[in-house]
Amino acid sequence: MSLDKSTLKRVAYLARIKIDNSEIDKMTEELNNIMKWVEKLNEVDIEDVQPMTGVSSMTLREREDKVTDGGLEDKILSNAPEKIDGSFTVPKVIE
């Protein structure tokens, strides 16, 4: 597949990209080189390559969803310089 100047202008218009007339020849050549490289991917032999596994076909292990406080309140608050009613106390920052 190869792009001509009119196709390049149309693609640029659809993509809302402004291309100066002085850049059209260079851009056409660059895009044609990219298209040639992409076409080379069709030459790769993928006959014996297995498809990659996606996460959509896998079942995730689930655990029981239960809420706990951890039972470590005293240990956690032991590091606090100041505490009130089981919570950290910090100085007011915004007036």
PDB file of N, CA and C in Angstrom:
ATOM      1  N   MET A   1       0.852  -1.181   0.000  1.00  0.00           N
ATOM      2  CA  MET A   1       0.000   0.000   0.000  1.00  0.00           C
ATOM      3  C   MET A   1       0.890   1.235   0.000  1.00  0.00           C
ATOM      4  N   SER A   2       0.485   2.204  -0.781  1.00  0.00           N
ATOM      5  CA  SER A   2       1.265   3.427  -0.835  1.00  0.00           C
ATOM      6  C   SER A   2       0.316   4.618  -0.815  1.00  0.00           C
ATOM      7  N   LEU A   3       0.781   5.667  -0.191  1.00  0.00           N
ATOM      8  CA  LEU A   3      -0.023   6.887  -0.079  1.00  0.00           C
ATOM      9  C   LEU A   3       0.411   7.897  -1.134  1.00  0.00           C
ATOM     10  N   ASP A   4      -0.561   8.560  -1.737  1.00  0.00           N
ATOM     11  CA  ASP A   4      -0.222   9.648  -2.647  1.00  0.00           C
ATOM     12  C   ASP A   4      -0.507  10.973  -1.946  1.00  0.00           C
ATOM     13  N   LYS A   5      -0.208  12.056  -2.603  1.00  0.00           N
ATOM     14  CA  LYS A   5      -0.337  13.386  -1.990  1.00  0.00           C
ATOM     15  C   LYS A   5      -1.777  13.710  -1.624  1.00  0.00           C
ATOM     16  N   SER A   6      -2.727  13.332  -2.463  1.00  0.00           N
ATOM     17  CA  SER A   6      -4.129  13.651  -2.170  1.00  0.00           C
ATOM     18  C   SER A   6      -4.619  12.865  -0.954  1.00  0.00           C
ATOM     19  N   THR A   7      -4.167  11.609  -0.825  1.00  0.00           N
ATOM     20  CA  THR A   7      -4.555  10.810   0.349  1.00  0.00           C
ATOM     21  C   THR A   7      -3.945  11.401   1.609  1.00  0.00           C
ATOM     22  N   LEU A   8      -2.697  11.826   1.510  1.00  0.00           N
ATOM     23  CA  LEU A   8      -2.046  12.445   2.661  1.00  0.00           C
ATOM     24  C   LEU A   8      -2.785  13.708   3.090  1.00  0.00           C
ATOM     25  N   LYS A   9      -3.187  14.529   2.145  1.00  0.00           N
ATOM     26  CA  LYS A   9      -3.930  15.748   2.473  1.00  0.00           C
ATOM     27  C   LYS A   9      -5.260  15.407   3.137  1.00  0.00           C
ATOM     28  N   ARG A  10      -5.916  14.371   2.644  1.00  0.00           N
ATOM     29  CA  ARG A  10      -7.213  13.951   3.207  1.00  0.00           C
ATOM     30  C   ARG A  10      -7.034  13.442   4.634  1.00  0.00           C
ATOM     31  N   VAL A  11      -6.023  12.615   4.862  1.00  0.00           N
ATOM     32  CA  VAL A  11      -5.761  12.091   6.206  1.00  0.00           C
ATOM     33  C   VAL A  11      -5.407  13.231   7.155  1.00  0.00           C
ATOM     34  N   ALA A  12      -4.595  14.161   6.698  1.00  0.00           N
ATOM     35  CA  ALA A  12      -4.224  15.309   7.530  1.00  0.00           C
ATOM     36  C   ALA A  12      -5.453  16.134   7.876  1.00  0.00           C
ATOM     37  N   TYR A  13      -6.349  16.307   6.921  1.00  0.00           N
ATOM     38  CA  TYR A  13      -7.578  17.063   7.173  1.00  0.00           C
ATOM     39  C   TYR A  13      -8.435  16.344   8.215  1.00  0.00           C
ATOM     40  N   LEU A  14      -8.594  15.027   8.065  1.00  0.00           N
ATOM     41  CA  LEU A  14      -9.413  14.267   9.010  1.00  0.00           C
ATOM     42  C   LEU A  14      -8.809  14.240  10.405  1.00  0.00           C
ATOM     43  N   ALA A  15      -7.480  14.243  10.478  1.00  0.00           N
ATOM     44  CA  ALA A  15      -6.791  14.235  11.760  1.00  0.00           C
ATOM     45  C   ALA A  15      -6.608  15.638  12.326  1.00  0.00           C
ATOM     46  N   ARG A  16      -7.058  16.630  11.593  1.00  0.00           N
ATOM     47  CA  ARG A  16      -6.930  18.035  11.995  1.00  0.00           C
ATOM     48  C   ARG A  16      -5.471  18.415  12.202  1.00  0.00           C
ATOM     49  N   ILE A  17      -4.617  17.963  11.254  1.00  0.00           N
ATOM     50  CA  ILE A  17      -3.196  18.287  11.277  1.00  0.00           C
ATOM     51  C   ILE A  17      -2.914  19.204  10.101  1.00  0.00           C
ATOM     52  N   LYS A  18      -2.285  20.333  10.390  1.00  0.00           N
ATOM     53  CA  LYS A  18      -1.943  21.276   9.326  1.00  0.00           C
ATOM     54  C   LYS A  18      -0.576  20.910   8.752  1.00  0.00           C
ATOM     55  N   ILE A  19      -0.547  20.650   7.447  1.00  0.00           N
ATOM     56  CA  ILE A  19       0.700  20.332   6.758  1.00  0.00           C
ATOM     57  C   ILE A  19       0.906  21.364   5.659  1.00  0.00           C
ATOM     58  N   ASP A  20       2.038  22.030   5.700  1.00  0.00           N
ATOM     59  CA  ASP A  20       2.365  23.000   4.655  1.00  0.00           C
ATOM     60  C   ASP A  20       2.650  22.274   3.345  1.00  0.00           C
ATOM     61  N   ASN A  21       2.411  22.962   2.241  1.00  0.00           N
ATOM     62  CA  ASN A  21       2.670  22.371   0.929  1.00  0.00           C
ATOM     63  C   ASN A  21       4.138  21.987   0.756  1.00  0.00           C
ATOM     64  N   SER A  22       5.023  22.695   1.438  1.00  0.00           N
ATOM     65  CA  SER A  22       6.450  22.384   1.323  1.00  0.00           C
ATOM     66  C   SER A  22       6.806  21.064   2.028  1.00  0.00           C
ATOM     67  N   GLU A  23       5.957  20.608   2.946  1.00  0.00           N
ATOM     68  CA  GLU A  23       6.227  19.390   3.706  1.00  0.00           C
ATOM     69  C   GLU A  23       5.556  18.151   3.112  1.00  0.00           C
ATOM     70  N   ILE A  24       4.685  18.323   2.138  1.00  0.00           N
ATOM     71  CA  ILE A  24       3.881  17.210   1.633  1.00  0.00           C
ATOM     72  C   ILE A  24       4.748  16.116   1.027  1.00  0.00           C
ATOM     73  N   ASP A  25       5.726  16.478   0.192  1.00  0.00           N
ATOM     74  CA  ASP A  25       6.575  15.458  -0.439  1.00  0.00           C
ATOM     75  C   ASP A  25       7.348  14.655   0.603  1.00  0.00           C
ATOM     76  N   LYS A  26       7.929  15.350   1.559  1.00  0.00           N
ATOM     77  CA  LYS A  26       8.716  14.676   2.602  1.00  0.00           C
ATOM     78  C   LYS A  26       7.814  13.779   3.449  1.00  0.00           C
ATOM     79  N   MET A  27       6.654  14.284   3.822  1.00  0.00           N
ATOM     80  CA  MET A  27       5.732  13.523   4.665  1.00  0.00           C
ATOM     81  C   MET A  27       5.193  12.298   3.926  1.00  0.00           C
ATOM     82  N   THR A  28       4.919  12.441   2.646  1.00  0.00           N
ATOM     83  CA  THR A  28       4.433  11.315   1.845  1.00  0.00           C
ATOM     84  C   THR A  28       5.490  10.213   1.801  1.00  0.00           C
ATOM     85  N   GLU A  29       6.733  10.601   1.582  1.00  0.00           N
ATOM     86  CA  GLU A  29       7.821   9.623   1.545  1.00  0.00           C
ATOM     87  C   GLU A  29       7.979   8.921   2.893  1.00  0.00           C
ATOM     88  N   GLU A  30       7.938   9.681   3.986  1.00  0.00           N
ATOM     89  CA  GLU A  30       8.087   9.098   5.315  1.00  0.00           C
ATOM     90  C   GLU A  30       6.953   8.120   5.626  1.00  0.00           C
ATOM     91  N   LEU A  31       5.722   8.511   5.316  1.00  0.00           N
ATOM     92  CA  LEU A  31       4.592   7.624   5.589  1.00  0.00           C
ATOM     93  C   LEU A  31       4.631   6.376   4.718  1.00  0.00           C
ATOM     94  N   ASN A  32       5.074   6.510   3.477  1.00  0.00           N
ATOM     95  CA  ASN A  32       5.211   5.334   2.624  1.00  0.00           C
ATOM     96  C   ASN A  32       6.272   4.380   3.165  1.00  0.00           C
ATOM     97  N   ASN A  33       7.356   4.911   3.707  1.00  0.00           N
ATOM     98  CA  ASN A  33       8.373   4.060   4.333  1.00  0.00           C
ATOM     99  C   ASN A  33       7.806   3.332   5.543  1.00  0.00           C
ATOM    100  N   ILE A  34       6.998   4.008   6.325  1.00  0.00           N
ATOM    101  CA  ILE A  34       6.361   3.374   7.487  1.00  0.00           C
ATOM    102  C   ILE A  34       5.417   2.269   7.026  1.00  0.00           C
ATOM    103  N   MET A  35       4.637   2.539   5.986  1.00  0.00           N
ATOM    104  CA  MET A  35       3.704   1.532   5.468  1.00  0.00           C
ATOM    105  C   MET A  35       4.450   0.306   4.938  1.00  0.00           C
ATOM    106  N   LYS A  36       5.594   0.507   4.304  1.00  0.00           N
ATOM    107  CA  LYS A  36       6.397  -0.625   3.819  1.00  0.00           C
ATOM    108  C   LYS A  36       6.884  -1.472   4.982  1.00  0.00           C
ATOM    109  N   TRP A  37       7.309  -0.811   6.052  1.00  0.00           N
ATOM    110  CA  TRP A  37       7.780  -1.534   7.225  1.00  0.00           C
ATOM    111  C   TRP A  37       6.653  -2.346   7.843  1.00  0.00           C
ATOM    112  N   VAL A  38       5.454  -1.767   7.939  1.00  0.00           N
ATOM    113  CA  VAL A  38       4.299  -2.480   8.491  1.00  0.00           C
ATOM    114  C   VAL A  38       3.950  -3.679   7.609  1.00  0.00           C
ATOM    115  N   GLU A  39       4.044  -3.534   6.300  1.00  0.00           N
ATOM    116  CA  GLU A  39       3.755  -4.640   5.385  1.00  0.00           C
ATOM    117  C   GLU A  39       4.748  -5.786   5.564  1.00  0.00           C
ATOM    118  N   LYS A  40       5.976  -5.499   5.986  1.00  0.00           N
ATOM    119  CA  LYS A  40       6.958  -6.545   6.239  1.00  0.00           C
ATOM    120  C   LYS A  40       6.519  -7.458   7.376  1.00  0.00           C
ATOM    121  N   LEU A  41       5.696  -6.959   8.277  1.00  0.00           N
ATOM    122  CA  LEU A  41       5.211  -7.786   9.383  1.00  0.00           C
ATOM    123  C   LEU A  41       4.381  -8.961   8.870  1.00  0.00           C
ATOM    124  N   ASN A  42       3.772  -8.821   7.700  1.00  0.00           N
ATOM    125  CA  ASN A  42       2.998  -9.923   7.121  1.00  0.00           C
ATOM    126  C   ASN A  42       3.890 -11.082   6.700  1.00  0.00           C
ATOM    127  N   GLU A  43       5.183 -10.846   6.543  1.00  0.00           N
ATOM    128  CA  GLU A  43       6.117 -11.889   6.144  1.00  0.00           C
ATOM    129  C   GLU A  43       6.547 -12.775   7.309  1.00  0.00           C
ATOM    130  N   VAL A  44       6.264 -12.367   8.533  1.00  0.00           N
ATOM    131  CA  VAL A  44       6.683 -13.121   9.709  1.00  0.00           C
ATOM    132  C   VAL A  44       5.847 -14.394   9.811  1.00  0.00           C
ATOM    133  N   ASP A  45       6.528 -15.530   9.999  1.00  0.00           N
ATOM    134  CA  ASP A  45       5.847 -16.811  10.133  1.00  0.00           C
ATOM    135  C   ASP A  45       5.334 -16.963  11.564  1.00  0.00           C
ATOM    136  N   ILE A  46       4.030 -16.987  11.718  1.00  0.00           N
ATOM    137  CA  ILE A  46       3.426 -17.124  13.039  1.00  0.00           C
ATOM    138  C   ILE A  46       2.594 -18.406  13.125  1.00  0.00           C
ATOM    139  N   GLU A  47       2.913 -19.365  12.268  1.00  0.00           N
ATOM    140  CA  GLU A  47       2.151 -20.608  12.183  1.00  0.00           C
ATOM    141  C   GLU A  47       2.120 -21.361  13.507  1.00  0.00           C
ATOM    142  N   ASP A  48       3.263 -21.502  14.161  1.00  0.00           N
ATOM    143  CA  ASP A  48       3.339 -22.297  15.391  1.00  0.00           C
ATOM    144  C   ASP A  48       3.302 -21.447  16.663  1.00  0.00           C
ATOM    145  N   VAL A  49       2.940 -20.211  16.545  1.00  0.00           N
ATOM    146  CA  VAL A  49       2.904 -19.320  17.700  1.00  0.00           C
ATOM    147  C   VAL A  49       1.503 -19.342  18.300  1.00  0.00           C
ATOM    148  N   GLN A  50       1.435 -19.689  19.570  1.00  0.00           N
ATOM    149  CA  GLN A  50       0.151 -19.724  20.265  1.00  0.00           C
ATOM    150  C   GLN A  50      -0.267 -18.308  20.642  1.00  0.00           C
ATOM    151  N   PRO A  51      -1.559 -18.018  20.583  1.00  0.00           N
ATOM    152  CA  PRO A  51      -2.018 -16.689  20.999  1.00  0.00           C
ATOM    153  C   PRO A  51      -1.697 -16.446  22.464  1.00  0.00           C
ATOM    154  N   MET A  52      -1.440 -15.195  22.794  1.00  0.00           N
ATOM    155  CA  MET A  52      -1.146 -14.838  24.179  1.00  0.00           C
ATOM    156  C   MET A  52      -2.414 -14.928  25.001  1.00  0.00           C
ATOM    157  N   THR A  53      -2.255 -15.292  26.251  1.00  0.00           N
ATOM    158  CA  THR A  53      -3.396 -15.387  27.143  1.00  0.00           C
ATOM    159  C   THR A  53      -3.743 -14.010  27.660  1.00  0.00           C
ATOM    160  N   GLY A  54      -5.008 -13.682  27.613  1.00  0.00           N
ATOM    161  CA  GLY A  54      -5.468 -12.419  28.167  1.00  0.00           C
ATOM    162  C   GLY A  54      -6.137 -12.657  29.509  1.00  0.00           C
ATOM    163  N   VAL A  55      -6.319 -11.615  30.263  1.00  0.00           N
ATOM    164  CA  VAL A  55      -6.919 -11.758  31.580  1.00  0.00           C
ATOM    165  C   VAL A  55      -8.417 -12.025  31.515  1.00  0.00           C
ATOM    166  N   SER A  56      -9.040 -11.741  30.384  1.00  0.00           N
ATOM    167  CA  SER A  56     -10.489 -11.914  30.310  1.00  0.00           C
ATOM    168  C   SER A  56     -10.907 -13.380  30.384  1.00  0.00           C
ATOM    169  N   SER A  57     -10.030 -14.302  30.003  1.00  0.00           N
ATOM    170  CA  SER A  57     -10.387 -15.715  30.048  1.00  0.00           C
ATOM    171  C   SER A  57     -10.001 -16.379  31.364  1.00  0.00           C
ATOM    172  N   MET A  58      -9.373 -15.635  32.261  1.00  0.00           N
ATOM    173  CA  MET A  58      -8.922 -16.196  33.529  1.00  0.00           C
ATOM    174  C   MET A  58      -9.916 -15.870  34.636  1.00  0.00           C
ATOM    175  N   THR A  59     -10.006 -16.773  35.593  1.00  0.00           N
ATOM    176  CA  THR A  59     -10.849 -16.541  36.758  1.00  0.00           C
ATOM    177  C   THR A  59      -9.948 -16.149  37.918  1.00  0.00           C
ATOM    178  N   LEU A  60     -10.259 -15.063  38.553  1.00  0.00           N
ATOM    179  CA  LEU A  60      -9.452 -14.588  39.663  1.00  0.00           C
ATOM    180  C   LEU A  60      -9.855 -15.283  40.956  1.00  0.00           C
ATOM    181  N   ARG A  61      -8.863 -15.542  41.789  1.00  0.00           N
ATOM    182  CA  ARG A  61      -9.163 -16.112  43.097  1.00  0.00           C
ATOM    183  C   ARG A  61      -9.792 -15.021  43.952  1.00  0.00           C
ATOM    184  N   GLU A  62     -10.801 -15.399  44.688  1.00  0.00           N
ATOM    185  CA  GLU A  62     -11.480 -14.421  45.540  1.00  0.00           C
ATOM    186  C   GLU A  62     -11.306 -14.814  46.995  1.00  0.00           C
ATOM    187  N   ARG A  63     -11.274 -13.828  47.845  1.00  0.00           N
ATOM    188  CA  ARG A  63     -11.214 -14.077  49.274  1.00  0.00           C
ATOM    189  C   ARG A  63     -12.486 -13.533  49.900  1.00  0.00           C
ATOM    190  N   GLU A  64     -12.749 -13.986  51.094  1.00  0.00           N
ATOM    191  CA  GLU A  64     -13.925 -13.506  51.795  1.00  0.00           C
ATOM    192  C   GLU A  64     -13.748 -12.022  52.103  1.00  0.00           C
ATOM    193  N   ASP A  65     -14.759 -11.240  51.824  1.00  0.00           N
ATOM    194  CA  ASP A  65     -14.688  -9.800  52.027  1.00  0.00           C
ATOM    195  C   ASP A  65     -15.259  -9.457  53.390  1.00  0.00           C
ATOM    196  N   LYS A  66     -14.372  -9.273  54.371  1.00  0.00           N
ATOM    197  CA  LYS A  66     -14.839  -8.886  55.692  1.00  0.00           C
ATOM    198  C   LYS A  66     -14.000  -7.724  56.202  1.00  0.00           C
ATOM    199  N   VAL A  67     -14.650  -6.814  56.875  1.00  0.00           N
ATOM    200  CA  VAL A  67     -14.009  -5.605  57.360  1.00  0.00           C
ATOM    201  C   VAL A  67     -13.492  -5.853  58.767  1.00  0.00           C
ATOM    202  N   THR A  68     -12.215  -5.510  58.966  1.00  0.00           N
ATOM    203  CA  THR A  68     -11.631  -5.594  60.303  1.00  0.00           C
ATOM    204  C   THR A  68     -10.849  -4.312  60.557  1.00  0.00           C
ATOM    205  N   ASP A  69     -10.709  -3.997  61.821  1.00  0.00           N
ATOM    206  CA  ASP A  69      -9.927  -2.806  62.152  1.00  0.00           C
ATOM    207  C   ASP A  69      -8.469  -3.172  62.374  1.00  0.00           C
ATOM    208  N   GLY A  70      -8.161  -4.445  62.329  1.00  0.00           N
ATOM    209  CA  GLY A  70      -6.782  -4.884  62.486  1.00  0.00           C
ATOM    210  C   GLY A  70      -6.393  -5.121  63.933  1.00  0.00           C
ATOM    211  N   GLY A  71      -7.096  -4.514  64.860  1.00  0.00           N
ATOM    212  CA  GLY A  71      -6.799  -4.705  66.274  1.00  0.00           C
ATOM    213  C   GLY A  71      -5.460  -4.132  66.703  1.00  0.00           C
ATOM    214  N   LEU A  72      -4.929  -3.194  65.946  1.00  0.00           N
ATOM    215  CA  LEU A  72      -3.609  -2.638  66.246  1.00  0.00           C
ATOM    216  C   LEU A  72      -3.664  -1.156  66.598  1.00  0.00           C
ATOM    217  N   GLU A  73      -4.818  -0.679  67.014  1.00  0.00           N
ATOM    218  CA  GLU A  73      -4.974   0.759  67.263  1.00  0.00           C
ATOM    219  C   GLU A  73      -3.950   1.279  68.279  1.00  0.00           C
ATOM    220  N   ASP A  74      -3.789   0.582  69.391  1.00  0.00           N
ATOM    221  CA  ASP A  74      -2.853   1.058  70.418  1.00  0.00           C
ATOM    222  C   ASP A  74      -1.417   1.070  69.903  1.00  0.00           C
ATOM    223  N   LYS A  75      -1.046   0.036  69.136  1.00  0.00           N
ATOM    224  CA  LYS A  75       0.318  -0.047  68.624  1.00  0.00           C
ATOM    225  C   LYS A  75       0.588   1.068  67.606  1.00  0.00           C
ATOM    226  N   ILE A  76      -0.402   1.337  66.740  1.00  0.00           N
ATOM    227  CA  ILE A  76      -0.244   2.379  65.732  1.00  0.00           C
ATOM    228  C   ILE A  76      -0.188   3.758  66.381  1.00  0.00           C
ATOM    229  N   LEU A  77      -1.072   4.014  67.314  1.00  0.00           N
ATOM    230  CA  LEU A  77      -1.128   5.330  67.950  1.00  0.00           C
ATOM    231  C   LEU A  77       0.007   5.554  68.947  1.00  0.00           C
ATOM    232  N   SER A  78       0.762   4.514  69.256  1.00  0.00           N
ATOM    233  CA  SER A  78       1.887   4.705  70.175  1.00  0.00           C
ATOM    234  C   SER A  78       2.958   5.605  69.563  1.00  0.00           C
ATOM    235  N   ASN A  79       3.000   5.710  68.247  1.00  0.00           N
ATOM    236  CA  ASN A  79       3.969   6.579  67.571  1.00  0.00           C
ATOM    237  C   ASN A  79       3.484   8.019  67.448  1.00  0.00           C
ATOM    238  N   ALA A  80       2.221   8.262  67.725  1.00  0.00           N
ATOM    239  CA  ALA A  80       1.656   9.597  67.542  1.00  0.00           C
ATOM    240  C   ALA A  80       2.093  10.517  68.668  1.00  0.00           C
ATOM    241  N   PRO A  81       2.546  11.733  68.339  1.00  0.00           N
ATOM    242  CA  PRO A  81       2.917  12.673  69.391  1.00  0.00           C
ATOM    243  C   PRO A  81       1.691  13.135  70.181  1.00  0.00           C
ATOM    244  N   GLU A  82       0.544  13.165  69.513  1.00  0.00           N
ATOM    245  CA  GLU A  82      -0.694  13.589  70.169  1.00  0.00           C
ATOM    246  C   GLU A  82      -1.853  12.806  69.572  1.00  0.00           C
ATOM    247  N   LYS A  83      -2.775  12.370  70.415  1.00  0.00           N
ATOM    248  CA  LYS A  83      -3.922  11.598  69.935  1.00  0.00           C
ATOM    249  C   LYS A  83      -5.156  11.948  70.748  1.00  0.00           C
ATOM    250  N   ILE A  84      -6.305  11.897  70.071  1.00  0.00           N
ATOM    251  CA  ILE A  84      -7.594  12.160  70.719  1.00  0.00           C
ATOM    252  C   ILE A  84      -8.593  11.130  70.204  1.00  0.00           C
ATOM    253  N   ASP A  85      -9.248  10.431  71.094  1.00  0.00           N
ATOM    254  CA  ASP A  85     -10.302   9.461  70.770  1.00  0.00           C
ATOM    255  C   ASP A  85      -9.877   8.469  69.686  1.00  0.00           C
ATOM    256  N   GLY A  86      -8.694   7.909  69.801  1.00  0.00           N
ATOM    257  CA  GLY A  86      -8.241   6.891  68.860  1.00  0.00           C
ATOM    258  C   GLY A  86      -7.839   7.401  67.504  1.00  0.00           C
ATOM    259  N   SER A  87      -7.547   8.705  67.385  1.00  0.00           N
ATOM    260  CA  SER A  87      -7.151   9.290  66.107  1.00  0.00           C
ATOM    261  C   SER A  87      -5.905  10.134  66.295  1.00  0.00           C
ATOM    262  N   PHE A  88      -5.131  10.273  65.224  1.00  0.00           N
ATOM    263  CA  PHE A  88      -3.983  11.166  65.240  1.00  0.00           C
ATOM    264  C   PHE A  88      -4.476  12.596  65.320  1.00  0.00           C
ATOM    265  N   THR A  89      -3.769  13.441  66.037  1.00  0.00           N
ATOM    266  CA  THR A  89      -4.082  14.854  66.108  1.00  0.00           C
ATOM    267  C   THR A  89      -2.923  15.619  65.477  1.00  0.00           C
ATOM    268  N   VAL A  90      -3.280  16.516  64.555  1.00  0.00           N
ATOM    269  CA  VAL A  90      -2.257  17.307  63.887  1.00  0.00           C
ATOM    270  C   VAL A  90      -2.613  18.785  64.036  1.00  0.00           C
ATOM    271  N   PRO A  91      -1.601  19.645  63.960  1.00  0.00           N
ATOM    272  CA  PRO A  91      -1.887  21.079  64.080  1.00  0.00           C
ATOM    273  C   PRO A  91      -2.674  21.583  62.861  1.00  0.00           C
ATOM    274  N   LYS A  92      -3.477  22.581  63.073  1.00  0.00           N
ATOM    275  CA  LYS A  92      -4.245  23.210  62.006  1.00  0.00           C
ATOM    276  C   LYS A  92      -3.293  23.897  61.033  1.00  0.00           C
ATOM    277  N   VAL A  93      -3.462  23.654  59.743  1.00  0.00           N
ATOM    278  CA  VAL A  93      -2.557  24.191  58.739  1.00  0.00           C
ATOM    279  C   VAL A  93      -3.187  25.393  58.035  1.00  0.00           C
ATOM    280  N   ILE A  94      -4.464  25.320  57.732  1.00  0.00           N
ATOM    281  CA  ILE A  94      -5.145  26.375  56.998  1.00  0.00           C
ATOM    282  C   ILE A  94      -5.994  27.190  57.963  1.00  0.00           C
ATOM    283  N   GLU A  95      -5.849  28.486  57.901  1.00  0.00           N
ATOM    284  CA  GLU A  95      -6.630  29.380  58.768  1.00  0.00           C
ATOM    285  C   GLU A  95      -7.975  29.684  58.167  1.00  0.00           C
TER     286      GLU A  95
END
